[in-house]
PDB file of N, CA and C in Angstrom:
ATOM      1  N   MET A   1     116.211 100.105 111.335  1.00  0.00           N
ATOM      2  CA  MET A   1     115.276  99.030 111.100  1.00  0.00           C
ATOM      3  C   MET A   1     114.183  99.101 112.167  1.00  0.00           C
ATOM      4  N   THR A   2     112.959  98.980 111.738  1.00  0.00           N
ATOM      5  CA  THR A   2     111.842  98.950 112.676  1.00  0.00           C
ATOM      6  C   THR A   2     111.144  97.602 112.545  1.00  0.00           C
ATOM      7  N   GLU A   3     110.385  97.271 113.539  1.00  0.00           N
ATOM      8  CA  GLU A   3     109.683  95.989 113.519  1.00  0.00           C
ATOM      9  C   GLU A   3     108.184  96.211 113.548  1.00  0.00           C
ATOM     10  N   VAL A   4     107.483  95.311 112.905  1.00  0.00           N
ATOM     11  CA  VAL A   4     106.035  95.267 112.963  1.00  0.00           C
ATOM     12  C   VAL A   4     105.668  93.805 113.194  1.00  0.00           C
ATOM     13  N   SER A   5     104.626  93.567 113.963  1.00  0.00           N
ATOM     14  CA  SER A   5     104.242  92.182 114.193  1.00  0.00           C
ATOM     15  C   SER A   5     102.786  91.974 113.810  1.00  0.00           C
ATOM     16  N   VAL A   6     102.503  90.759 113.357  1.00  0.00           N
ATOM     17  CA  VAL A   6     101.150  90.354 112.994  1.00  0.00           C
ATOM     18  C   VAL A   6     100.889  88.981 113.612  1.00  0.00           C
ATOM     19  N   SER A   7      99.645  88.624 113.693  1.00  0.00           N
ATOM     20  CA  SER A   7      99.252  87.353 114.290  1.00  0.00           C
ATOM     21  C   SER A   7      99.537  86.188 113.350  1.00  0.00           C
ATOM     22  N   LEU A   8     100.236  85.190 113.859  1.00  0.00           N
ATOM     23  CA  LEU A   8     100.482  83.971 113.091  1.00  0.00           C
ATOM     24  C   LEU A   8      99.167  83.299 112.738  1.00  0.00           C
ATOM     25  N   ASP A   9      98.216  83.296 113.672  1.00  0.00           N
ATOM     26  CA  ASP A   9      96.911  82.681 113.416  1.00  0.00           C
ATOM     27  C   ASP A   9      96.199  83.344 112.241  1.00  0.00           C
ATOM     28  N   ASP A  10      96.284  84.678 112.148  1.00  0.00           N
ATOM     29  CA  ASP A  10      95.632  85.387 111.039  1.00  0.00           C
ATOM     30  C   ASP A  10      96.204  84.965 109.698  1.00  0.00           C
ATOM     31  N   VAL A  11      97.516  84.834 109.631  1.00  0.00           N
ATOM     32  CA  VAL A  11      98.147  84.424 108.371  1.00  0.00           C
ATOM     33  C   VAL A  11      97.798  82.977 108.058  1.00  0.00           C
ATOM     34  N   MET A  12      97.826  82.109 109.059  1.00  0.00           N
ATOM     35  CA  MET A  12      97.502  80.699 108.842  1.00  0.00           C
ATOM     36  C   MET A  12      96.050  80.545 108.371  1.00  0.00           C
ATOM     37  N   ARG A  13      95.168  81.333 108.930  1.00  0.00           N
ATOM     38  CA  ARG A  13      93.739  81.242 108.604  1.00  0.00           C
ATOM     39  C   ARG A  13      93.441  81.819 107.213  1.00  0.00           C
ATOM     40  N   ASN A  14      94.059  82.939 106.873  1.00  0.00           N
ATOM     41  CA  ASN A  14      93.733  83.643 105.627  1.00  0.00           C
ATOM     42  C   ASN A  14      94.704  83.388 104.478  1.00  0.00           C
ATOM     43  N   GLY A  15      95.874  82.830 104.781  1.00  0.00           N
ATOM     44  CA  GLY A  15      96.872  82.589 103.742  1.00  0.00           C
ATOM     45  C   GLY A  15      97.750  83.791 103.459  1.00  0.00           C
ATOM     46  N   ARG A  16      97.213  84.988 103.718  1.00  0.00           N
ATOM     47  CA  ARG A  16      97.983  86.215 103.541  1.00  0.00           C
ATOM     48  C   ARG A  16      97.246  87.368 104.213  1.00  0.00           C
ATOM     49  N   ILE A  17      98.004  88.335 104.653  1.00  0.00           N
ATOM     50  CA  ILE A  17      97.447  89.559 105.224  1.00  0.00           C
ATOM     51  C   ILE A  17      98.379  90.706 104.871  1.00  0.00           C
ATOM     52  N   THR A  18      97.923  91.907 105.109  1.00  0.00           N
ATOM     53  CA  THR A  18      98.773  93.074 104.904  1.00  0.00           C
ATOM     54  C   THR A  18      98.859  93.872 106.199  1.00  0.00           C
ATOM     55  N   THR A  19      99.937  94.583 106.312  1.00  0.00           N
ATOM     56  CA  THR A  19     100.146  95.494 107.428  1.00  0.00           C
ATOM     57  C   THR A  19     101.000  96.629 106.895  1.00  0.00           C
ATOM     58  N   SER A  20     101.315  97.582 107.720  1.00  0.00           N
ATOM     59  CA  SER A  20     102.205  98.650 107.268  1.00  0.00           C
ATOM     60  C   SER A  20     103.004  99.179 108.442  1.00  0.00           C
ATOM     61  N   ARG A  21     104.112  99.800 108.110  1.00  0.00           N
ATOM     62  CA  ARG A  21     104.977 100.402 109.118  1.00  0.00           C
ATOM     63  C   ARG A  21     105.615 101.638 108.508  1.00  0.00           C
ATOM     64  N   GLU A  22     105.387 102.780 109.132  1.00  0.00           N
ATOM     65  CA  GLU A  22     105.975 104.040 108.688  1.00  0.00           C
ATOM     66  C   GLU A  22     105.793 104.266 107.183  1.00  0.00           C
ATOM     67  N   GLY A  23     104.600 103.988 106.681  1.00  0.00           N
ATOM     68  CA  GLY A  23     104.297 104.232 105.277  1.00  0.00           C
ATOM     69  C   GLY A  23     104.681 103.129 104.322  1.00  0.00           C
ATOM     70  N   THR A  24     105.288 102.058 104.816  1.00  0.00           N
ATOM     71  CA  THR A  24     105.652 100.930 103.958  1.00  0.00           C
ATOM     72  C   THR A  24     104.610  99.833 104.123  1.00  0.00           C
ATOM     73  N   ALA A  25     103.916  99.511 103.031  1.00  0.00           N
ATOM     74  CA  ALA A  25     102.929  98.431 103.055  1.00  0.00           C
ATOM     75  C   ALA A  25     103.665  97.097 102.961  1.00  0.00           C
ATOM     76  N   VAL A  26     103.192  96.110 103.741  1.00  0.00           N
ATOM     77  CA  VAL A  26     103.849  94.799 103.807  1.00  0.00           C
ATOM     78  C   VAL A  26     102.813  93.715 103.544  1.00  0.00           C
ATOM     79  N   LEU A  27     103.155  92.808 102.635  1.00  0.00           N
ATOM     80  CA  LEU A  27     102.342  91.625 102.357  1.00  0.00           C
ATOM     81  C   LEU A  27     102.986  90.449 103.072  1.00  0.00           C
ATOM     82  N   VAL A  28     102.234  89.791 103.960  1.00  0.00           N
ATOM     83  CA  VAL A  28     102.724  88.632 104.707  1.00  0.00           C
ATOM     84  C   VAL A  28     101.914  87.438 104.234  1.00  0.00           C
ATOM     85  N   ALA A  29     102.593  86.358 103.827  1.00  0.00           N
ATOM     86  CA  ALA A  29     101.881  85.218 103.254  1.00  0.00           C
ATOM     87  C   ALA A  29     102.489  83.899 103.717  1.00  0.00           C
ATOM     88  N   LEU A  30     101.660  82.873 103.680  1.00  0.00           N
ATOM     89  CA  LEU A  30     102.091  81.502 103.935  1.00  0.00           C
ATOM     90  C   LEU A  30     102.300  80.843 102.579  1.00  0.00           C
ATOM     91  N   ILE A  31     103.551  80.547 102.246  1.00  0.00           N
ATOM     92  CA  ILE A  31     103.906  80.001 100.939  1.00  0.00           C
ATOM     93  C   ILE A  31     104.691  78.712 101.146  1.00  0.00           C
ATOM     94  N   ASP A  32     104.149  77.609 100.668  1.00  0.00           N
ATOM     95  CA  ASP A  32     104.795  76.294 100.815  1.00  0.00           C
ATOM     96  C   ASP A  32     105.194  76.019 102.261  1.00  0.00           C
ATOM     97  N   GLY A  33     104.319  76.384 103.209  1.00  0.00           N
ATOM     98  CA  GLY A  33     104.569  76.125 104.622  1.00  0.00           C
ATOM     99  C   GLY A  33     105.514  77.101 105.291  1.00  0.00           C
ATOM    100  N   GLU A  34     105.940  78.134 104.574  1.00  0.00           N
ATOM    101  CA  GLU A  34     106.871  79.129 105.115  1.00  0.00           C
ATOM    102  C   GLU A  34     106.212  80.506 105.121  1.00  0.00           C
ATOM    103  N   ILE A  35     106.455  81.259 106.182  1.00  0.00           N
ATOM    104  CA  ILE A  35     105.963  82.628 106.254  1.00  0.00           C
ATOM    105  C   ILE A  35     106.955  83.536 105.537  1.00  0.00           C
ATOM    106  N   VAL A  36     106.456  84.340 104.598  1.00  0.00           N
ATOM    107  CA  VAL A  36     107.293  85.296 103.870  1.00  0.00           C
ATOM    108  C   VAL A  36     106.663  86.680 103.972  1.00  0.00           C
ATOM    109  N   ALA A  37     107.493  87.707 103.847  1.00  0.00           N
ATOM    110  CA  ALA A  37     106.998  89.082 103.873  1.00  0.00           C
ATOM    111  C   ALA A  37     107.718  89.887 102.802  1.00  0.00           C
ATOM    112  N   TYR A  38     106.938  90.617 102.023  1.00  0.00           N
ATOM    113  CA  TYR A  38     107.462  91.452 100.945  1.00  0.00           C
ATOM    114  C   TYR A  38     106.822  92.834 101.020  1.00  0.00           C
ATOM    115  N   GLU A  39     107.504  93.804 100.448  1.00  0.00           N
ATOM    116  CA  GLU A  39     106.859  95.101 100.303  1.00  0.00           C
ATOM    117  C   GLU A  39     105.662  94.908  99.380  1.00  0.00           C
ATOM    118  N   ASP A  40     104.517  95.385  99.810  1.00  0.00           N
ATOM    119  CA  ASP A  40     103.279  95.191  99.054  1.00  0.00           C
ATOM    120  C   ASP A  40     103.167  96.262  97.973  1.00  0.00           C
ATOM    121  N   ALA A  41     104.045  96.135  96.971  1.00  0.00           N
ATOM    122  CA  ALA A  41     104.071  97.108  95.886  1.00  0.00           C
ATOM    123  C   ALA A  41     104.590  96.443  94.618  1.00  0.00           C
ATOM    124  N   CYS A  42     103.752  96.403  93.611  1.00  0.00           N
ATOM    125  CA  CYS A  42     104.159  95.875  92.315  1.00  0.00           C
ATOM    126  C   CYS A  42     105.243  96.785  91.736  1.00  0.00           C
ATOM    127  N   GLY A  43     106.212  96.194  91.064  1.00  0.00           N
ATOM    128  CA  GLY A  43     107.307  96.954  90.479  1.00  0.00           C
ATOM    129  C   GLY A  43     106.892  97.861  89.338  1.00  0.00           C
ATOM    130  N   HIS A  44     105.703  97.672  88.808  1.00  0.00           N
ATOM    131  CA  HIS A  44     105.264  98.477  87.676  1.00  0.00           C
ATOM    132  C   HIS A  44     104.876  99.880  88.098  1.00  0.00           C
ATOM    133  N   ARG A  45     103.896  99.969  88.971  1.00  0.00           N
ATOM    134  CA  ARG A  45     103.448 101.289  89.419  1.00  0.00           C
ATOM    135  C   ARG A  45     103.187 101.340  90.910  1.00  0.00           C
ATOM    136  N   GLY A  46     103.691 100.334  91.625  1.00  0.00           N
ATOM    137  CA  GLY A  46     103.553 100.338  93.072  1.00  0.00           C
ATOM    138  C   GLY A  46     102.194  99.907  93.585  1.00  0.00           C
ATOM    139  N   ASN A  47     101.351  99.354  92.705  1.00  0.00           N
ATOM    140  CA  ASN A  47     100.034  98.903  93.139  1.00  0.00           C
ATOM    141  C   ASN A  47     100.149  97.772  94.150  1.00  0.00           C
ATOM    142  N   SER A  48      99.174  97.687  95.039  1.00  0.00           N
ATOM    143  CA  SER A  48      99.147  96.630  96.045  1.00  0.00           C
ATOM    144  C   SER A  48      98.918  95.265  95.387  1.00  0.00           C
ATOM    145  N   LEU A  49      99.667  94.283  95.860  1.00  0.00           N
ATOM    146  CA  LEU A  49      99.500  92.907  95.389  1.00  0.00           C
ATOM    147  C   LEU A  49      98.531  92.126  96.272  1.00  0.00           C
ATOM    148  N   ALA A  50      98.161  92.706  97.403  1.00  0.00           N
ATOM    149  CA  ALA A  50      97.369  91.992  98.408  1.00  0.00           C
ATOM    150  C   ALA A  50      96.050  91.466  97.878  1.00  0.00           C
ATOM    151  N   GLN A  51      95.428  92.189  96.971  1.00  0.00           N
ATOM    152  CA  GLN A  51      94.133  91.748  96.442  1.00  0.00           C
ATOM    153  C   GLN A  51      94.267  90.959  95.146  1.00  0.00           C
ATOM    154  N   GLY A  52      95.507  90.695  94.739  1.00  0.00           N
ATOM    155  CA  GLY A  52      95.723  89.931  93.520  1.00  0.00           C
ATOM    156  C   GLY A  52      95.451  88.452  93.726  1.00  0.00           C
ATOM    157  N   VAL A  53      95.290  87.747  92.641  1.00  0.00           N
ATOM    158  CA  VAL A  53      95.071  86.300  92.695  1.00  0.00           C
ATOM    159  C   VAL A  53      96.371  85.631  93.121  1.00  0.00           C
ATOM    160  N   LEU A  54      96.274  84.738  94.114  1.00  0.00           N
ATOM    161  CA  LEU A  54      97.427  83.964  94.584  1.00  0.00           C
ATOM    162  C   LEU A  54      97.156  82.508  94.293  1.00  0.00           C
ATOM    163  N   ARG A  55      97.939  81.935  93.380  1.00  0.00           N
ATOM    164  CA  ARG A  55      97.755  80.540  92.995  1.00  0.00           C
ATOM    165  C   ARG A  55      99.113  79.920  92.735  1.00  0.00           C
ATOM    166  N   ASP A  56      99.342  78.753  93.334  1.00  0.00           N
ATOM    167  CA  ASP A  56     100.609  78.025  93.145  1.00  0.00           C
ATOM    168  C   ASP A  56     101.819  78.913  93.430  1.00  0.00           C
ATOM    169  N   CYS A  57     101.767  79.659  94.513  1.00  0.00           N
ATOM    170  CA  CYS A  57     102.853  80.530  94.982  1.00  0.00           C
ATOM    171  C   CYS A  57     103.078  81.759  94.115  1.00  0.00           C
ATOM    172  N   ILE A  58     102.234  81.982  93.117  1.00  0.00           N
ATOM    173  CA  ILE A  58     102.359  83.126  92.222  1.00  0.00           C
ATOM    174  C   ILE A  58     101.229  84.104  92.532  1.00  0.00           C
ATOM    175  N   VAL A  59     101.610  85.361  92.797  1.00  0.00           N
ATOM    176  CA  VAL A  59     100.604  86.407  92.991  1.00  0.00           C
ATOM    177  C   VAL A  59     100.600  87.275  91.736  1.00  0.00           C
ATOM    178  N   THR A  60      99.387  87.600  91.280  1.00  0.00           N
ATOM    179  CA  THR A  60      99.224  88.423  90.086  1.00  0.00           C
ATOM    180  C   THR A  60      98.722  89.794  90.492  1.00  0.00           C
ATOM    181  N   CYS A  61      99.410  90.822  90.057  1.00  0.00           N
ATOM    182  CA  CYS A  61      99.009  92.192  90.364  1.00  0.00           C
ATOM    183  C   CYS A  61      97.627  92.438  89.751  1.00  0.00           C
ATOM    184  N   PRO A  62      96.672  92.890  90.573  1.00  0.00           N
ATOM    185  CA  PRO A  62      95.327  93.098  90.034  1.00  0.00           C
ATOM    186  C   PRO A  62      95.233  94.293  89.081  1.00  0.00           C
ATOM    187  N   ALA A  63      96.214  95.179  89.096  1.00  0.00           N
ATOM    188  CA  ALA A  63      96.148  96.360  88.246  1.00  0.00           C
ATOM    189  C   ALA A  63      96.656  96.103  86.824  1.00  0.00           C
ATOM    190  N   HIS A  64      97.804  95.416  86.699  1.00  0.00           N
ATOM    191  CA  HIS A  64      98.419  95.280  85.378  1.00  0.00           C
ATOM    192  C   HIS A  64      98.874  93.860  85.052  1.00  0.00           C
ATOM    193  N   LEU A  65      98.510  92.908  85.917  1.00  0.00           N
ATOM    194  CA  LEU A  65      98.730  91.473  85.678  1.00  0.00           C
ATOM    195  C   LEU A  65     100.191  91.023  85.707  1.00  0.00           C
ATOM    196  N   TRP A  66     101.076  91.812  86.284  1.00  0.00           N
ATOM    197  CA  TRP A  66     102.440  91.315  86.483  1.00  0.00           C
ATOM    198  C   TRP A  66     102.376  90.215  87.519  1.00  0.00           C
ATOM    199  N   ARG A  67     103.198  89.175  87.357  1.00  0.00           N
ATOM    200  CA  ARG A  67     103.158  88.006  88.239  1.00  0.00           C
ATOM    201  C   ARG A  67     104.483  87.837  88.968  1.00  0.00           C
ATOM    202  N   TYR A  68     104.370  87.529  90.271  1.00  0.00           N
ATOM    203  CA  TYR A  68     105.548  87.351  91.123  1.00  0.00           C
ATOM    204  C   TYR A  68     105.481  86.011  91.836  1.00  0.00           C
ATOM    205  N   ASP A  69     106.614  85.322  91.892  1.00  0.00           N
ATOM    206  CA  ASP A  69     106.728  84.071  92.634  1.00  0.00           C
ATOM    207  C   ASP A  69     107.069  84.428  94.074  1.00  0.00           C
ATOM    208  N   LEU A  70     106.162  84.155  95.007  1.00  0.00           N
ATOM    209  CA  LEU A  70     106.390  84.537  96.396  1.00  0.00           C
ATOM    210  C   LEU A  70     107.369  83.623  97.127  1.00  0.00           C
ATOM    211  N   ARG A  71     107.864  82.590  96.478  1.00  0.00           N
ATOM    212  CA  ARG A  71     108.953  81.808  97.081  1.00  0.00           C
ATOM    213  C   ARG A  71     110.256  82.576  96.981  1.00  0.00           C
ATOM    214  N   THR A  72     110.410  83.339  95.901  1.00  0.00           N
ATOM    215  CA  THR A  72     111.663  84.065  95.653  1.00  0.00           C
ATOM    216  C   THR A  72     111.470  85.574  95.563  1.00  0.00           C
ATOM    217  N   GLY A  73     110.257  86.023  95.287  1.00  0.00           N
ATOM    218  CA  GLY A  73     109.978  87.435  95.060  1.00  0.00           C
ATOM    219  C   GLY A  73     110.238  87.863  93.634  1.00  0.00           C
ATOM    220  N   GLU A  74     110.721  86.942  92.812  1.00  0.00           N
ATOM    221  CA  GLU A  74     111.103  87.273  91.449  1.00  0.00           C
ATOM    222  C   GLU A  74     109.882  87.431  90.545  1.00  0.00           C
ATOM    223  N   ARG A  75     109.966  88.426  89.660  1.00  0.00           N
ATOM    224  CA  ARG A  75     108.898  88.596  88.680  1.00  0.00           C
ATOM    225  C   ARG A  75     108.923  87.406  87.741  1.00  0.00           C
ATOM    226  N   HIS A  76     107.767  86.834  87.518  1.00  0.00           N
ATOM    227  CA  HIS A  76     107.653  85.555  86.810  1.00  0.00           C
ATOM    228  C   HIS A  76     108.236  85.589  85.402  1.00  0.00           C
ATOM    229  N   ASP A  77     108.063  86.688  84.685  1.00  0.00           N
ATOM    230  CA  ASP A  77     108.530  86.738  83.303  1.00  0.00           C
ATOM    231  C   ASP A  77     109.744  87.637  83.098  1.00  0.00           C
ATOM    232  N   SER A  78     110.393  88.023  84.214  1.00  0.00           N
ATOM    233  CA  SER A  78     111.547  88.915  84.110  1.00  0.00           C
ATOM    234  C   SER A  78     112.553  88.593  85.205  1.00  0.00           C
ATOM    235  N   PRO A  79     113.347  87.536  85.013  1.00  0.00           N
ATOM    236  CA  PRO A  79     114.341  87.182  86.027  1.00  0.00           C
ATOM    237  C   PRO A  79     115.236  88.380  86.363  1.00  0.00           C
ATOM    238  N   GLY A  80     115.508  88.526  87.639  1.00  0.00           N
ATOM    239  CA  GLY A  80     116.323  89.642  88.096  1.00  0.00           C
ATOM    240  C   GLY A  80     115.491  90.784  88.642  1.00  0.00           C
ATOM    241  N   SER A  81     114.247  90.865  88.239  1.00  0.00           N
ATOM    242  CA  SER A  81     113.339  91.878  88.768  1.00  0.00           C
ATOM    243  C   SER A  81     112.560  91.236  89.905  1.00  0.00           C
ATOM    244  N   ARG A  82     112.679  91.777  91.111  1.00  0.00           N
ATOM    245  CA  ARG A  82     112.041  91.113  92.242  1.00  0.00           C
ATOM    246  C   ARG A  82     111.475  92.095  93.247  1.00  0.00           C
ATOM    247  N   LEU A  83     110.582  91.573  94.070  1.00  0.00           N
ATOM    248  CA  LEU A  83     109.992  92.335  95.160  1.00  0.00           C
ATOM    249  C   LEU A  83     111.012  92.499  96.279  1.00  0.00           C
ATOM    250  N   VAL A  84     110.830  93.540  97.088  1.00  0.00           N
ATOM    251  CA  VAL A  84     111.675  93.742  98.259  1.00  0.00           C
ATOM    252  C   VAL A  84     111.200  92.791  99.349  1.00  0.00           C
ATOM    253  N   LYS A  85     112.111  91.935  99.822  1.00  0.00           N
ATOM    254  CA  LYS A  85     111.770  90.941 100.839  1.00  0.00           C
ATOM    255  C   LYS A  85     112.236  91.417 102.209  1.00  0.00           C
ATOM    256  N   PHE A  86     111.422  91.136 103.233  1.00  0.00           N
ATOM    257  CA  PHE A  86     111.748  91.497 104.599  1.00  0.00           C
ATOM    258  C   PHE A  86     112.004  90.235 105.411  1.00  0.00           C
ATOM    259  N   ASN A  87     112.914  90.330 106.363  1.00  0.00           N
ATOM    260  CA  ASN A  87     113.185  89.216 107.262  1.00  0.00           C
ATOM    261  C   ASN A  87     112.028  89.040 108.226  1.00  0.00           C
ATOM    262  N   VAL A  88     111.695  87.778 108.501  1.00  0.00           N
ATOM    263  CA  VAL A  88     110.627  87.476 109.449  1.00  0.00           C
ATOM    264  C   VAL A  88     111.153  86.527 110.521  1.00  0.00           C
ATOM    265  N   GLU A  89     110.569  86.639 111.691  1.00  0.00           N
ATOM    266  CA  GLU A  89     110.888  85.744 112.798  1.00  0.00           C
ATOM    267  C   GLU A  89     109.577  85.435 113.505  1.00  0.00           C
ATOM    268  N   ILE A  90     109.362  84.171 113.822  1.00  0.00           N
ATOM    269  CA  ILE A  90     108.161  83.780 114.550  1.00  0.00           C
ATOM    270  C   ILE A  90     108.514  83.687 116.019  1.00  0.00           C
ATOM    271  N   ILE A  91     107.811  84.471 116.820  1.00  0.00           N
ATOM    272  CA  ILE A  91     108.010  84.482 118.270  1.00  0.00           C
ATOM    273  C   ILE A  91     106.656  84.193 118.907  1.00  0.00           C
ATOM    274  N   GLY A  92     106.524  82.999 119.440  1.00  0.00           N
ATOM    275  CA  GLY A  92     105.241  82.601 120.010  1.00  0.00           C
ATOM    276  C   GLY A  92     104.185  82.562 118.932  1.00  0.00           C
ATOM    277  N   ASP A  93     103.108  83.324 119.116  1.00  0.00           N
ATOM    278  CA  ASP A  93     102.042  83.342 118.114  1.00  0.00           C
ATOM    279  C   ASP A  93     102.067  84.630 117.283  1.00  0.00           C
ATOM    280  N   GLU A  94     103.224  85.286 117.251  1.00  0.00           N
ATOM    281  CA  GLU A  94     103.388  86.519 116.479  1.00  0.00           C
ATOM    282  C   GLU A  94     104.465  86.339 115.414  1.00  0.00           C
ATOM    283  N   ILE A  95     104.259  87.007 114.295  1.00  0.00           N
ATOM    284  CA  ILE A  95     105.268  87.091 113.238  1.00  0.00           C
ATOM    285  C   ILE A  95     105.863  88.493 113.331  1.00  0.00           C
ATOM    286  N   VAL A  96     107.157  88.566 113.562  1.00  0.00           N
ATOM    287  CA  VAL A  96     107.842  89.853 113.671  1.00  0.00           C
ATOM    288  C   VAL A  96     108.592  90.082 112.360  1.00  0.00           C
ATOM    289  N   ILE A  97     108.328  91.235 111.744  1.00  0.00           N
ATOM    290  CA  ILE A  97     108.893  91.562 110.441  1.00  0.00           C
ATOM    291  C   ILE A  97     109.805  92.774 110.588  1.00  0.00           C
ATOM    292  N   ASP A  98     111.041  92.663 110.085  1.00  0.00           N
ATOM    293  CA  ASP A  98     111.978  93.794 110.070  1.00  0.00           C
ATOM    294  C   ASP A  98     111.698  94.624 108.826  1.00  0.00           C
ATOM    295  N   VAL A  99     111.259  95.836 109.030  1.00  0.00           N
ATOM    296  CA  VAL A  99     110.950  96.737 107.920  1.00  0.00           C
ATOM    297  C   VAL A  99     111.889  97.930 108.014  1.00  0.00           C
ATOM    298  N   PRO A 100     112.717  98.149 106.987  1.00  0.00           N
ATOM    299  CA  PRO A 100     113.622  99.294 107.053  1.00  0.00           C
ATOM    300  C   PRO A 100     112.842 100.600 107.050  1.00  0.00           C
ATOM    301  N   ALA A 101     113.409 101.598 107.713  1.00  0.00           N
ATOM    302  CA  ALA A 101     112.792 102.921 107.694  1.00  0.00           C
ATOM    303  C   ALA A 101     112.823 103.431 106.259  1.00  0.00           C
ATOM    304  N   PRO A 102     111.747 104.086 105.831  1.00  0.00           N
ATOM    305  CA  PRO A 102     111.735 104.587 104.452  1.00  0.00           C
ATOM    306  C   PRO A 102     112.784 105.672 104.252  1.00  0.00           C
ATOM    307  N   ALA A 103     113.296 105.729 103.048  1.00  0.00           N
ATOM    308  CA  ALA A 103     114.269 106.775 102.722  1.00  0.00           C
ATOM    309  C   ALA A 103     113.574 108.127 102.810  1.00  0.00           C
ATOM    310  N   PRO A 104     114.276 109.126 103.305  1.00  0.00           N
ATOM    311  CA  PRO A 104     113.638 110.445 103.379  1.00  0.00           C
ATOM    312  C   PRO A 104     113.300 110.944 101.979  1.00  0.00           C
ATOM    313  N   LYS A 105     112.157 111.580 101.860  1.00  0.00           N
ATOM    314  CA  LYS A 105     111.742 112.110 100.566  1.00  0.00           C
ATOM    315  C   LYS A 105     112.496 113.411 100.302  1.00  0.00           C
ATOM    316  N   LEU A 106     113.006 113.508  99.096  1.00  0.00           N
ATOM    317  CA  LEU A 106     113.728 114.708  98.698  1.00  0.00           C
ATOM    318  C   LEU A 106     112.760 115.748  98.153  1.00  0.00           C
ATOM    319  N   SER A 107     113.066 116.992  98.409  1.00  0.00           N
ATOM    320  CA  SER A 107     112.297 118.071  97.775  1.00  0.00           C
ATOM    321  C   SER A 107     112.670 118.072  96.295  1.00  0.00           C
ATOM    322  N   ILE A 108     111.899 118.774  95.497  1.00  0.00           N
ATOM    323  CA  ILE A 108     112.221 118.870  94.069  1.00  0.00           C
ATOM    324  C   ILE A 108     113.615 119.466  93.886  1.00  0.00           C
ATOM    325  N   ARG A 109     113.935 120.482  94.665  1.00  0.00           N
ATOM    326  CA  ARG A 109     115.257 121.111  94.588  1.00  0.00           C
ATOM    327  C   ARG A 109     116.352 120.098  94.896  1.00  0.00           C
ATOM    328  N   GLU A 110     116.179 119.340  95.984  1.00  0.00           N
ATOM    329  CA  GLU A 110     117.189 118.347  96.370  1.00  0.00           C
ATOM    330  C   GLU A 110     117.331 117.259  95.304  1.00  0.00           C
ATOM    331  N   ALA A 111     116.221 116.835  94.718  1.00  0.00           N
ATOM    332  CA  ALA A 111     116.266 115.808  93.671  1.00  0.00           C
ATOM    333  C   ALA A 111     116.999 116.315  92.436  1.00  0.00           C
ATOM    334  N   LEU A 112     116.730 117.560  92.055  1.00  0.00           N
ATOM    335  CA  LEU A 112     117.413 118.134  90.891  1.00  0.00           C
ATOM    336  C   LEU A 112     118.906 118.285  91.138  1.00  0.00           C
ATOM    337  N   LEU A 113     119.277 118.739  92.328  1.00  0.00           N
ATOM    338  CA  LEU A 113     120.696 118.871  92.660  1.00  0.00           C
ATOM    339  C   LEU A 113     121.386 117.511  92.662  1.00  0.00           C
ATOM    340  N   ALA A 114     120.731 116.504  93.211  1.00  0.00           N
ATOM    341  CA  ALA A 114     121.304 115.152  93.233  1.00  0.00           C
ATOM    342  C   ALA A 114     121.489 114.622  91.816  1.00  0.00           C
ATOM    343  N   ALA A 115     120.505 114.868  90.949  1.00  0.00           N
ATOM    344  CA  ALA A 115     120.603 114.421  89.562  1.00  0.00           C
ATOM    345  C   ALA A 115     121.745 115.147  88.844  1.00  0.00           C
ATOM    346  N   ALA A 116     121.899 116.430  89.112  1.00  0.00           N
ATOM    347  CA  ALA A 116     122.983 117.189  88.494  1.00  0.00           C
ATOM    348  C   ALA A 116     124.342 116.675  88.940  1.00  0.00           C
ATOM    349  N   ARG A 117     124.460 116.336  90.210  1.00  0.00           N
ATOM    350  CA  ARG A 117     125.727 115.782  90.731  1.00  0.00           C
ATOM    351  C   ARG A 117     126.028 114.449  90.082  1.00  0.00           C
ATOM    352  N   GLU A 118     124.997 113.632  89.879  1.00  0.00           N
ATOM    353  CA  GLU A 118     125.186 112.320  89.235  1.00  0.00           C
ATOM    354  C   GLU A 118     125.716 112.476  87.817  1.00  0.00           C
ATOM    355  N   GLU A 119     125.214 113.472  87.092  1.00  0.00           N
ATOM    356  CA  GLU A 119     125.641 113.688  85.698  1.00  0.00           C
ATOM    357  C   GLU A 119     127.108 114.077  85.617  1.00  0.00           C
ATOM    358  N   ARG A 120     127.600 114.799  86.627  1.00  0.00           N
ATOM    359  CA  ARG A 120     128.991 115.246  86.611  1.00  0.00           C
ATOM    360  C   ARG A 120     129.976 114.114  86.852  1.00  0.00           C
ATOM    361  N   THR A 121     129.550 113.056  87.487  1.00  0.00           N
ATOM    362  CA  THR A 121     130.486 111.980  87.817  1.00  0.00           C
ATOM    363  C   THR A 121     130.526 110.919  86.760  1.00  0.00           C
TER     364      THR A 121
END
């Protein structure tokens, strides 16, 4: 687990900001008086939600209009489908976000071998 921190003042002033850690984009937002952090990637094609419309705790993906409730991370029209949520802690005037290290990328060979092993089981 790695940590990234952002300014509490920036989030309070703008309502939301983005940051990244080791290739993982993070959306940090003030929702109903609570600071939340999610992976900034729509479940459809991984598009950023940061520039989407945010209204009544719902962010709409600007690319394909999928909607997510930022109180829960759940996709608005598909219960059970949700954004990846990160733990946050406020320390002084900083928001510290725990962002897991990204999974190592497999080569095509490794991916094919893994898929073949899955089929056998």
